[in-house]
Amino acid sequence: MRRVVLSLLFVSTLIGCESNYRYPCQDPANWNNEECKKPACVATGECSENLVGQKAWEAAQGNSQPAAEEAPAPTTEPCPAPNSEGVE
């Protein structure tokens, strides 16, 4: 009986897994709507670029920038040997 209830609960949660978006401005079809453009979306924090992430937003807009060059590895210098008193 317990397995049947758990199975039904699991299946019922999967039924809700459609291609829905939590916020309307997450859906790429709505990105050109006025409510998803600044300044209208700033007060609610539901601007498309905030909801999908900056990298995804730039890639979708065609503004993706080439990856920044990696920083050079730090050079390590040997530590000076302590003097006989242990204080420099």
PDB file of N, CA and C in Angstrom:
ATOM      1  N   MET A   1       0.822  -1.193   0.000  1.00  0.00           N
ATOM      2  CA  MET A   1       0.000   0.000   0.000  1.00  0.00           C
ATOM      3  C   MET A   1       0.869   1.262   0.000  1.00  0.00           C
ATOM      4  N   ARG A   2       1.914   1.222   0.807  1.00  0.00           N
ATOM      5  CA  ARG A   2       2.807   2.382   0.904  1.00  0.00           C
ATOM      6  C   ARG A   2       3.493   2.644  -0.432  1.00  0.00           C
ATOM      7  N   ARG A   3       3.881   1.559  -1.113  1.00  0.00           N
ATOM      8  CA  ARG A   3       4.539   1.719  -2.416  1.00  0.00           C
ATOM      9  C   ARG A   3       3.584   2.316  -3.445  1.00  0.00           C
ATOM     10  N   VAL A   4       2.337   1.924  -3.384  1.00  0.00           N
ATOM     11  CA  VAL A   4       1.351   2.452  -4.331  1.00  0.00           C
ATOM     12  C   VAL A   4       1.167   3.950  -4.116  1.00  0.00           C
ATOM     13  N   VAL A   5       1.073   4.357  -2.872  1.00  0.00           N
ATOM     14  CA  VAL A   5       0.902   5.778  -2.564  1.00  0.00           C
ATOM     15  C   VAL A   5       2.131   6.569  -3.002  1.00  0.00           C
ATOM     16  N   LEU A   6       3.311   6.061  -2.708  1.00  0.00           N
ATOM     17  CA  LEU A   6       4.535   6.750  -3.113  1.00  0.00           C
ATOM     18  C   LEU A   6       4.656   6.805  -4.626  1.00  0.00           C
ATOM     19  N   SER A   7       4.272   5.724  -5.302  1.00  0.00           N
ATOM     20  CA  SER A   7       4.329   5.711  -6.765  1.00  0.00           C
ATOM     21  C   SER A   7       3.372   6.741  -7.355  1.00  0.00           C
ATOM     22  N   LEU A   8       2.164   6.807  -6.806  1.00  0.00           N
ATOM     23  CA  LEU A   8       1.196   7.795  -7.291  1.00  0.00           C
ATOM     24  C   LEU A   8       1.676   9.219  -7.030  1.00  0.00           C
ATOM     25  N   LEU A   9       2.273   9.434  -5.909  1.00  0.00           N
ATOM     26  CA  LEU A   9       2.814  10.753  -5.591  1.00  0.00           C
ATOM     27  C   LEU A   9       3.924  11.119  -6.562  1.00  0.00           C
ATOM     28  N   PHE A  10       4.798  10.175  -6.841  1.00  0.00           N
ATOM     29  CA  PHE A  10       5.904  10.408  -7.768  1.00  0.00           C
ATOM     30  C   PHE A  10       5.387  10.703  -9.173  1.00  0.00           C
ATOM     31  N   VAL A  11       4.438   9.920  -9.635  1.00  0.00           N
ATOM     32  CA  VAL A  11       3.876  10.122 -10.967  1.00  0.00           C
ATOM     33  C   VAL A  11       3.157  11.466 -11.049  1.00  0.00           C
ATOM     34  N   SER A  12       2.462  11.833  -9.995  1.00  0.00           N
ATOM     35  CA  SER A  12       1.752  13.118 -10.011  1.00  0.00           C
ATOM     36  C   SER A  12       2.722  14.295 -10.070  1.00  0.00           C
ATOM     37  N   THR A  13       3.888  14.160  -9.489  1.00  0.00           N
ATOM     38  CA  THR A  13       4.863  15.246  -9.580  1.00  0.00           C
ATOM     39  C   THR A  13       5.454  15.322 -10.973  1.00  0.00           C
ATOM     40  N   LEU A  14       5.589  14.194 -11.653  1.00  0.00           N
ATOM     41  CA  LEU A  14       6.117  14.216 -13.011  1.00  0.00           C
ATOM     42  C   LEU A  14       5.139  14.813 -14.007  1.00  0.00           C
ATOM     43  N   ILE A  15       3.865  14.709 -13.717  1.00  0.00           N
ATOM     44  CA  ILE A  15       2.866  15.288 -14.612  1.00  0.00           C
ATOM     45  C   ILE A  15       3.048  16.799 -14.688  1.00  0.00           C
ATOM     46  N   GLY A  16       3.460  17.399 -13.596  1.00  0.00           N
ATOM     47  CA  GLY A  16       3.682  18.842 -13.573  1.00  0.00           C
ATOM     48  C   GLY A  16       4.974  19.269 -14.236  1.00  0.00           C
ATOM     49  N   CYS A  17       5.787  18.331 -14.685  1.00  0.00           N
ATOM     50  CA  CYS A  17       7.075  18.663 -15.310  1.00  0.00           C
ATOM     51  C   CYS A  17       6.905  18.856 -16.797  1.00  0.00           C
ATOM     52  N   GLU A  18       6.240  19.904 -17.180  1.00  0.00           N
ATOM     53  CA  GLU A  18       6.118  20.250 -18.581  1.00  0.00           C
ATOM     54  C   GLU A  18       7.134  21.343 -18.868  1.00  0.00           C
ATOM     55  N   SER A  19       7.115  21.856 -20.048  1.00  0.00           N
ATOM     56  CA  SER A  19       8.059  22.919 -20.374  1.00  0.00           C
ATOM     57  C   SER A  19       7.478  24.265 -19.961  1.00  0.00           C
ATOM     58  N   ASN A  20       7.146  24.379 -18.692  1.00  0.00           N
ATOM     59  CA  ASN A  20       6.641  25.632 -18.143  1.00  0.00           C
ATOM     60  C   ASN A  20       7.785  26.405 -17.519  1.00  0.00           C
ATOM     61  N   TYR A  21       7.611  27.686 -17.439  1.00  0.00           N
ATOM     62  CA  TYR A  21       8.607  28.550 -16.828  1.00  0.00           C
ATOM     63  C   TYR A  21       8.023  29.132 -15.547  1.00  0.00           C
ATOM     64  N   ARG A  22       8.855  29.301 -14.560  1.00  0.00           N
ATOM     65  CA  ARG A  22       8.379  29.858 -13.295  1.00  0.00           C
ATOM     66  C   ARG A  22       7.951  31.308 -13.472  1.00  0.00           C
ATOM     67  N   TYR A  23       8.725  32.051 -14.260  1.00  0.00           N
ATOM     68  CA  TYR A  23       8.413  33.450 -14.533  1.00  0.00           C
ATOM     69  C   TYR A  23       8.180  33.611 -16.027  1.00  0.00           C
ATOM     70  N   PRO A  24       7.242  34.447 -16.419  1.00  0.00           N
ATOM     71  CA  PRO A  24       6.979  34.627 -17.851  1.00  0.00           C
ATOM     72  C   PRO A  24       8.216  35.103 -18.621  1.00  0.00           C
ATOM     73  N   CYS A  25       9.054  35.892 -17.998  1.00  0.00           N
ATOM     74  CA  CYS A  25      10.212  36.441 -18.696  1.00  0.00           C
ATOM     75  C   CYS A  25      11.354  35.438 -18.845  1.00  0.00           C
ATOM     76  N   GLN A  26      11.220  34.229 -18.290  1.00  0.00           N
ATOM     77  CA  GLN A  26      12.200  33.188 -18.531  1.00  0.00           C
ATOM     78  C   GLN A  26      11.987  32.557 -19.899  1.00  0.00           C
ATOM     79  N   ASP A  27      10.784  32.614 -20.401  1.00  0.00           N
ATOM     80  CA  ASP A  27      10.451  32.020 -21.686  1.00  0.00           C
ATOM     81  C   ASP A  27      11.006  32.904 -22.805  1.00  0.00           C
ATOM     82  N   PRO A  28      11.862  32.359 -23.654  1.00  0.00           N
ATOM     83  CA  PRO A  28      12.432  33.165 -24.745  1.00  0.00           C
ATOM     84  C   PRO A  28      11.367  33.788 -25.651  1.00  0.00           C
ATOM     85  N   ALA A  29      10.202  33.203 -25.721  1.00  0.00           N
ATOM     86  CA  ALA A  29       9.137  33.774 -26.546  1.00  0.00           C
ATOM     87  C   ALA A  29       8.642  35.109 -25.991  1.00  0.00           C
ATOM     88  N   ASN A  30       8.859  35.361 -24.708  1.00  0.00           N
ATOM     89  CA  ASN A  30       8.384  36.594 -24.075  1.00  0.00           C
ATOM     90  C   ASN A  30       9.461  37.657 -23.918  1.00  0.00           C
ATOM     91  N   TRP A  31      10.674  37.390 -24.351  1.00  0.00           N
ATOM     92  CA  TRP A  31      11.779  38.313 -24.107  1.00  0.00           C
ATOM     93  C   TRP A  31      11.570  39.684 -24.737  1.00  0.00           C
ATOM     94  N   ASN A  32      10.755  39.776 -25.771  1.00  0.00           N
ATOM     95  CA  ASN A  32      10.523  41.075 -26.412  1.00  0.00           C
ATOM     96  C   ASN A  32       9.308  41.804 -25.854  1.00  0.00           C
ATOM     97  N   ASN A  33       8.616  41.191 -24.904  1.00  0.00           N
ATOM     98  CA  ASN A  33       7.472  41.859 -24.273  1.00  0.00           C
ATOM     99  C   ASN A  33       7.957  43.017 -23.413  1.00  0.00           C
ATOM    100  N   GLU A  34       7.134  44.054 -23.324  1.00  0.00           N
ATOM    101  CA  GLU A  34       7.510  45.239 -22.541  1.00  0.00           C
ATOM    102  C   GLU A  34       7.744  44.906 -21.068  1.00  0.00           C
ATOM    103  N   GLU A  35       6.965  43.957 -20.515  1.00  0.00           N
ATOM    104  CA  GLU A  35       7.119  43.628 -19.098  1.00  0.00           C
ATOM    105  C   GLU A  35       8.445  42.931 -18.808  1.00  0.00           C
ATOM    106  N   CYS A  36       9.116  42.433 -19.835  1.00  0.00           N
ATOM    107  CA  CYS A  36      10.397  41.747 -19.653  1.00  0.00           C
ATOM    108  C   CYS A  36      11.584  42.635 -19.990  1.00  0.00           C
ATOM    109  N   LYS A  37      11.328  43.866 -20.376  1.00  0.00           N
ATOM    110  CA  LYS A  37      12.397  44.800 -20.724  1.00  0.00           C
ATOM    111  C   LYS A  37      12.556  45.838 -19.622  1.00  0.00           C
ATOM    112  N   LYS A  38      13.763  46.348 -19.512  1.00  0.00           N
ATOM    113  CA  LYS A  38      14.011  47.415 -18.547  1.00  0.00           C
ATOM    114  C   LYS A  38      13.337  48.672 -19.037  1.00  0.00           C
ATOM    115  N   PRO A  39      12.832  49.517 -18.237  1.00  0.00           N
ATOM    116  CA  PRO A  39      12.830  49.602 -16.789  1.00  0.00           C
ATOM    117  C   PRO A  39      11.651  48.901 -16.133  1.00  0.00           C
ATOM    118  N   ALA A  40      10.710  48.353 -16.923  1.00  0.00           N
ATOM    119  CA  ALA A  40       9.498  47.762 -16.348  1.00  0.00           C
ATOM    120  C   ALA A  40       9.795  46.571 -15.442  1.00  0.00           C
ATOM    121  N   CYS A  41      10.819  45.795 -15.749  1.00  0.00           N
ATOM    122  CA  CYS A  41      11.077  44.571 -14.988  1.00  0.00           C
ATOM    123  C   CYS A  41      12.041  44.763 -13.824  1.00  0.00           C
ATOM    124  N   VAL A  42      12.645  45.921 -13.709  1.00  0.00           N
ATOM    125  CA  VAL A  42      13.664  46.132 -12.681  1.00  0.00           C
ATOM    126  C   VAL A  42      13.074  46.064 -11.269  1.00  0.00           C
ATOM    127  N   ALA A  43      11.913  46.645 -11.075  1.00  0.00           N
ATOM    128  CA  ALA A  43      11.318  46.684  -9.734  1.00  0.00           C
ATOM    129  C   ALA A  43      11.001  45.296  -9.205  1.00  0.00           C
ATOM    130  N   THR A  44      10.568  44.404 -10.070  1.00  0.00           N
ATOM    131  CA  THR A  44      10.217  43.056  -9.632  1.00  0.00           C
ATOM    132  C   THR A  44      11.394  42.092  -9.706  1.00  0.00           C
ATOM    133  N   GLY A  45      12.472  42.496 -10.380  1.00  0.00           N
ATOM    134  CA  GLY A  45      13.632  41.626 -10.526  1.00  0.00           C
ATOM    135  C   GLY A  45      13.393  40.498 -11.511  1.00  0.00           C
ATOM    136  N   GLU A  46      12.433  40.669 -12.405  1.00  0.00           N
ATOM    137  CA  GLU A  46      12.087  39.624 -13.353  1.00  0.00           C
ATOM    138  C   GLU A  46      12.547  39.934 -14.765  1.00  0.00           C
ATOM    139  N   CYS A  47      13.646  40.659 -14.908  1.00  0.00           N
ATOM    140  CA  CYS A  47      14.204  40.914 -16.232  1.00  0.00           C
ATOM    141  C   CYS A  47      14.766  39.604 -16.786  1.00  0.00           C
ATOM    142  N   SER A  48      14.604  39.404 -18.070  1.00  0.00           N
ATOM    143  CA  SER A  48      15.018  38.147 -18.692  1.00  0.00           C
ATOM    144  C   SER A  48      16.485  37.840 -18.440  1.00  0.00           C
ATOM    145  N   GLU A  49      17.337  38.843 -18.574  1.00  0.00           N
ATOM    146  CA  GLU A  49      18.769  38.576 -18.394  1.00  0.00           C
ATOM    147  C   GLU A  49      19.121  38.190 -16.964  1.00  0.00           C
ATOM    148  N   ASN A  50      18.313  38.615 -15.997  1.00  0.00           N
ATOM    149  CA  ASN A  50      18.536  38.216 -14.608  1.00  0.00           C
ATOM    150  C   ASN A  50      18.042  36.801 -14.344  1.00  0.00           C
ATOM    151  N   LEU A  51      16.976  36.408 -15.003  1.00  0.00           N
ATOM    152  CA  LEU A  51      16.369  35.106 -14.748  1.00  0.00           C
ATOM    153  C   LEU A  51      17.094  33.960 -15.441  1.00  0.00           C
ATOM    154  N   VAL A  52      17.686  34.219 -16.601  1.00  0.00           N
ATOM    155  CA  VAL A  52      18.337  33.135 -17.340  1.00  0.00           C
ATOM    156  C   VAL A  52      19.846  33.143 -17.159  1.00  0.00           C
ATOM    157  N   GLY A  53      20.388  34.166 -16.565  1.00  0.00           N
ATOM    158  CA  GLY A  53      21.832  34.249 -16.368  1.00  0.00           C
ATOM    159  C   GLY A  53      22.474  35.060 -17.484  1.00  0.00           C
ATOM    160  N   GLN A  54      23.505  35.771 -17.133  1.00  0.00           N
ATOM    161  CA  GLN A  54      24.132  36.694 -18.071  1.00  0.00           C
ATOM    162  C   GLN A  54      24.734  35.977 -19.274  1.00  0.00           C
ATOM    163  N   LYS A  55      25.401  34.831 -19.063  1.00  0.00           N
ATOM    164  CA  LYS A  55      26.030  34.125 -20.184  1.00  0.00           C
ATOM    165  C   LYS A  55      24.988  33.624 -21.171  1.00  0.00           C
ATOM    166  N   ALA A  56      23.904  33.039 -20.668  1.00  0.00           N
ATOM    167  CA  ALA A  56      22.851  32.538 -21.547  1.00  0.00           C
ATOM    168  C   ALA A  56      22.174  33.690 -22.278  1.00  0.00           C
ATOM    169  N   TRP A  57      21.977  34.796 -21.578  1.00  0.00           N
ATOM    170  CA  TRP A  57      21.336  35.965 -22.189  1.00  0.00           C
ATOM    171  C   TRP A  57      22.198  36.511 -23.323  1.00  0.00           C
ATOM    172  N   GLU A  58      23.492  36.675 -23.073  1.00  0.00           N
ATOM    173  CA  GLU A  58      24.387  37.201 -24.103  1.00  0.00           C
ATOM    174  C   GLU A  58      24.491  36.246 -25.289  1.00  0.00           C
ATOM    175  N   ALA A  59      24.525  34.940 -25.016  1.00  0.00           N
ATOM    176  CA  ALA A  59      24.594  33.970 -26.104  1.00  0.00           C
ATOM    177  C   ALA A  59      23.326  34.032 -26.961  1.00  0.00           C
ATOM    178  N   ALA A  60      22.178  34.180 -26.317  1.00  0.00           N
ATOM    179  CA  ALA A  60      20.918  34.246 -27.046  1.00  0.00           C
ATOM    180  C   ALA A  60      20.803  35.545 -27.841  1.00  0.00           C
ATOM    181  N   GLN A  61      21.401  36.601 -27.341  1.00  0.00           N
ATOM    182  CA  GLN A  61      21.346  37.890 -28.015  1.00  0.00           C
ATOM    183  C   GLN A  61      22.426  38.033 -29.077  1.00  0.00           C
ATOM    184  N   GLY A  62      23.335  37.074 -29.144  1.00  0.00           N
ATOM    185  CA  GLY A  62      24.424  37.147 -30.110  1.00  0.00           C
ATOM    186  C   GLY A  62      25.547  38.054 -29.661  1.00  0.00           C
ATOM    187  N   ASN A  63      25.576  38.384 -28.379  1.00  0.00           N
ATOM    188  CA  ASN A  63      26.607  39.273 -27.846  1.00  0.00           C
ATOM    189  C   ASN A  63      27.676  38.517 -27.090  1.00  0.00           C
ATOM    190  N   SER A  64      27.761  37.211 -27.315  1.00  0.00           N
ATOM    191  CA  SER A  64      28.729  36.450 -26.530  1.00  0.00           C
ATOM    192  C   SER A  64      30.134  36.894 -26.883  1.00  0.00           C
ATOM    193  N   GLN A  65      30.912  37.076 -25.889  1.00  0.00           N
ATOM    194  CA  GLN A  65      32.284  37.532 -26.045  1.00  0.00           C
ATOM    195  C   GLN A  65      33.205  36.326 -25.979  1.00  0.00           C
ATOM    196  N   PRO A  66      34.307  36.369 -26.663  1.00  0.00           N
ATOM    197  CA  PRO A  66      35.238  35.247 -26.539  1.00  0.00           C
ATOM    198  C   PRO A  66      35.713  35.125 -25.101  1.00  0.00           C
ATOM    199  N   ALA A  67      36.000  33.919 -24.726  1.00  0.00           N
ATOM    200  CA  ALA A  67      36.447  33.679 -23.354  1.00  0.00           C
ATOM    201  C   ALA A  67      37.701  34.486 -23.061  1.00  0.00           C
ATOM    202  N   ALA A  68      37.737  35.037 -21.887  1.00  0.00           N
ATOM    203  CA  ALA A  68      38.902  35.820 -21.479  1.00  0.00           C
ATOM    204  C   ALA A  68      40.107  34.903 -21.344  1.00  0.00           C
ATOM    205  N   GLU A  69      41.249  35.448 -21.647  1.00  0.00           N
ATOM    206  CA  GLU A  69      42.454  34.647 -21.507  1.00  0.00           C
ATOM    207  C   GLU A  69      42.659  34.305 -20.045  1.00  0.00           C
ATOM    208  N   GLU A  70      43.151  33.117 -19.836  1.00  0.00           N
ATOM    209  CA  GLU A  70      43.400  32.703 -18.470  1.00  0.00           C
ATOM    210  C   GLU A  70      44.563  33.511 -17.899  1.00  0.00           C
ATOM    211  N   ALA A  71      44.468  33.793 -16.645  1.00  0.00           N
ATOM    212  CA  ALA A  71      45.547  34.517 -15.970  1.00  0.00           C
ATOM    213  C   ALA A  71      46.772  33.623 -15.911  1.00  0.00           C
ATOM    214  N   PRO A  72      47.947  34.210 -16.041  1.00  0.00           N
ATOM    215  CA  PRO A  72      49.152  33.387 -15.955  1.00  0.00           C
ATOM    216  C   PRO A  72      49.284  32.784 -14.560  1.00  0.00           C
ATOM    217  N   ALA A  73      49.922  31.651 -14.523  1.00  0.00           N
ATOM    218  CA  ALA A  73      50.126  30.988 -13.240  1.00  0.00           C
ATOM    219  C   ALA A  73      51.007  31.868 -12.360  1.00  0.00           C
ATOM    220  N   PRO A  74      50.705  31.929 -11.082  1.00  0.00           N
ATOM    221  CA  PRO A  74      51.529  32.765 -10.204  1.00  0.00           C
ATOM    222  C   PRO A  74      52.939  32.190 -10.095  1.00  0.00           C
ATOM    223  N   THR A  75      53.875  33.090 -10.034  1.00  0.00           N
ATOM    224  CA  THR A  75      55.259  32.644  -9.857  1.00  0.00           C
ATOM    225  C   THR A  75      55.518  32.502  -8.364  1.00  0.00           C
ATOM    226  N   THR A  76      56.257  31.519  -8.050  1.00  0.00           N
ATOM    227  CA  THR A  76      56.571  31.305  -6.634  1.00  0.00           C
ATOM    228  C   THR A  76      58.041  31.584  -6.414  1.00  0.00           C
ATOM    229  N   GLU A  77      58.283  32.342  -5.410  1.00  0.00           N
ATOM    230  CA  GLU A  77      59.662  32.628  -5.031  1.00  0.00           C
ATOM    231  C   GLU A  77      59.927  31.907  -3.718  1.00  0.00           C
ATOM    232  N   PRO A  78      61.121  31.374  -3.574  1.00  0.00           N
ATOM    233  CA  PRO A  78      61.405  30.676  -2.331  1.00  0.00           C
ATOM    234  C   PRO A  78      61.363  31.651  -1.151  1.00  0.00           C
ATOM    235  N   CYS A  79      60.883  31.169  -0.050  1.00  0.00           N
ATOM    236  CA  CYS A  79      60.845  31.981   1.157  1.00  0.00           C
ATOM    237  C   CYS A  79      62.264  32.144   1.686  1.00  0.00           C
ATOM    238  N   PRO A  80      62.584  33.325   2.196  1.00  0.00           N
ATOM    239  CA  PRO A  80      63.924  33.490   2.760  1.00  0.00           C
ATOM    240  C   PRO A  80      64.073  32.654   4.034  1.00  0.00           C
ATOM    241  N   ALA A  81      65.269  32.199   4.226  1.00  0.00           N
ATOM    242  CA  ALA A  81      65.545  31.401   5.433  1.00  0.00           C
ATOM    243  C   ALA A  81      65.446  32.311   6.650  1.00  0.00           C
ATOM    244  N   PRO A  82      64.845  31.830   7.715  1.00  0.00           N
ATOM    245  CA  PRO A  82      64.758  32.661   8.931  1.00  0.00           C
ATOM    246  C   PRO A  82      66.156  32.916   9.499  1.00  0.00           C
ATOM    247  N   ASN A  83      66.299  34.078  10.105  1.00  0.00           N
ATOM    248  CA  ASN A  83      67.596  34.366  10.728  1.00  0.00           C
ATOM    249  C   ASN A  83      67.709  33.582  12.033  1.00  0.00           C
ATOM    250  N   SER A  84      68.823  33.694  12.673  1.00  0.00           N
ATOM    251  CA  SER A  84      69.074  32.874  13.852  1.00  0.00           C
ATOM    252  C   SER A  84      68.123  33.206  15.007  1.00  0.00           C
ATOM    253  N   GLU A  85      67.584  34.420  15.033  1.00  0.00           N
ATOM    254  CA  GLU A  85      66.689  34.801  16.120  1.00  0.00           C
ATOM    255  C   GLU A  85      65.227  34.503  15.777  1.00  0.00           C
ATOM    256  N   GLY A  86      64.943  34.137  14.541  1.00  0.00           N
ATOM    257  CA  GLY A  86      63.583  33.842  14.136  1.00  0.00           C
ATOM    258  C   GLY A  86      62.789  35.087  13.795  1.00  0.00           C
ATOM    259  N   VAL A  87      63.405  36.279  13.877  1.00  0.00           N
ATOM    260  CA  VAL A  87      62.719  37.521  13.561  1.00  0.00           C
ATOM    261  C   VAL A  87      63.575  38.272  12.549  1.00  0.00           C
ATOM    262  N   GLU A  88      62.912  38.852  11.587  1.00  0.00           N
ATOM    263  CA  GLU A  88      63.676  39.581  10.579  1.00  0.00           C
ATOM    264  C   GLU A  88      64.004  40.957  11.044  1.00  0.00           C
TER     265      GLU A  88
END
